[in-house]
């Protein structure tokens, strides 16, 4: 099972050092969407900006990018 990392990105990246072991890219994207939804609710200061969750695999390859603000 591969490890995925979920970094918070804007002009810089806040890295997810630990990551999560997940079965596949589709699951990692669903988890990223859940994280983005929680941040949208819990961290209103991230709204109306270009923050996103950047998912990378254990080799550092980009899997997907999910915006925090669903209008972006």
Protein backbone atom coordinates (compact mmCIF):
# COMPACT_ATOMS: atom_id res chain seq x y z
CA UNK A 1 0.00 0.00 0.00
CA UNK A 2 1.56 3.34 -1.03
CA UNK A 3 2.06 6.32 1.24
CA UNK A 4 0.54 9.66 0.25
CA UNK A 5 1.38 13.12 1.55
CA UNK A 6 -1.13 15.97 1.85
CA UNK A 7 0.63 19.34 1.78
CA UNK A 8 -1.07 22.69 2.25
CA UNK A 9 0.05 24.95 -0.61
CA UNK A 10 -0.25 28.62 -1.48
CA UNK A 11 2.90 30.47 -2.54
CA UNK A 12 4.75 28.04 -0.25
CA UNK A 13 4.10 24.47 0.84
CA UNK A 14 3.47 23.25 4.37
CA UNK A 15 4.65 19.67 4.05
CA UNK A 16 2.93 16.62 5.47
CA UNK A 17 5.92 14.75 6.85
CA UNK A 18 4.08 11.65 8.05
CA UNK A 19 1.67 10.94 5.23
CA UNK A 20 -0.97 8.23 5.13
CA UNK A 21 -0.90 4.70 3.77
CA UNK A 22 -3.79 4.39 1.31
CA UNK A 23 -4.74 1.80 -1.30
CA UNK A 24 -4.69 4.01 -4.42
CA UNK A 25 -4.73 7.47 -6.01
CA UNK A 26 -8.54 7.67 -6.05
CA UNK A 27 -8.68 7.14 -2.30
CA UNK A 28 -5.96 9.75 -1.78
CA UNK A 29 -7.96 12.27 -3.82
CA UNK A 30 -11.10 11.56 -1.74
CA UNK A 31 -9.10 12.11 1.46
CA UNK A 32 -7.74 15.40 0.06
CA UNK A 33 -11.30 16.56 -0.68
CA UNK A 34 -12.32 15.72 2.90
CA UNK A 35 -9.35 17.67 4.27
CA UNK A 36 -10.19 20.65 2.03
CA UNK A 37 -13.83 20.60 3.18
CA UNK A 38 -12.78 20.54 6.85
CA UNK A 39 -10.37 23.43 6.34
CA UNK A 40 -13.09 25.41 4.49
CA UNK A 41 -15.32 25.05 7.56
CA UNK A 42 -12.74 25.27 10.36
CA UNK A 43 -10.31 27.85 8.90
CA UNK A 44 -12.29 30.71 7.30
CA UNK A 45 -9.05 32.71 6.93
CA UNK A 46 -8.09 30.30 4.11
CA UNK A 47 -11.15 31.23 2.06
CA UNK A 48 -10.98 33.50 -0.99
CA UNK A 49 -7.32 32.67 -1.43
CA UNK A 50 -5.42 30.16 -3.50
CA UNK A 51 -4.77 27.58 -0.77
CA UNK A 52 -5.02 23.96 -1.85
CA UNK A 53 -4.18 20.46 -0.72
CA UNK A 54 -1.39 19.03 -2.87
CA UNK A 55 -1.29 15.24 -2.83
CA UNK A 56 1.99 13.54 -3.67
CA UNK A 57 2.92 9.89 -3.63
CA UNK A 58 5.84 8.35 -1.78
CA UNK A 59 8.14 9.18 -4.71
CA UNK A 60 7.18 12.86 -4.54
CA UNK A 61 5.10 12.69 -7.73
CA UNK A 62 2.00 14.88 -7.87
CA UNK A 63 -1.26 12.93 -7.64
CA UNK A 64 -3.76 15.81 -7.50
CA UNK A 65 -4.39 19.33 -6.24
CA UNK A 66 -7.66 20.12 -4.42
CA UNK A 67 -8.51 23.79 -3.74
CA UNK A 68 -9.69 24.74 -0.24
CA UNK A 69 -12.11 27.29 -1.70
CA UNK A 70 -14.50 25.42 -4.01
CA UNK A 71 -14.95 28.56 -6.14
CA UNK A 72 -11.27 28.49 -7.21
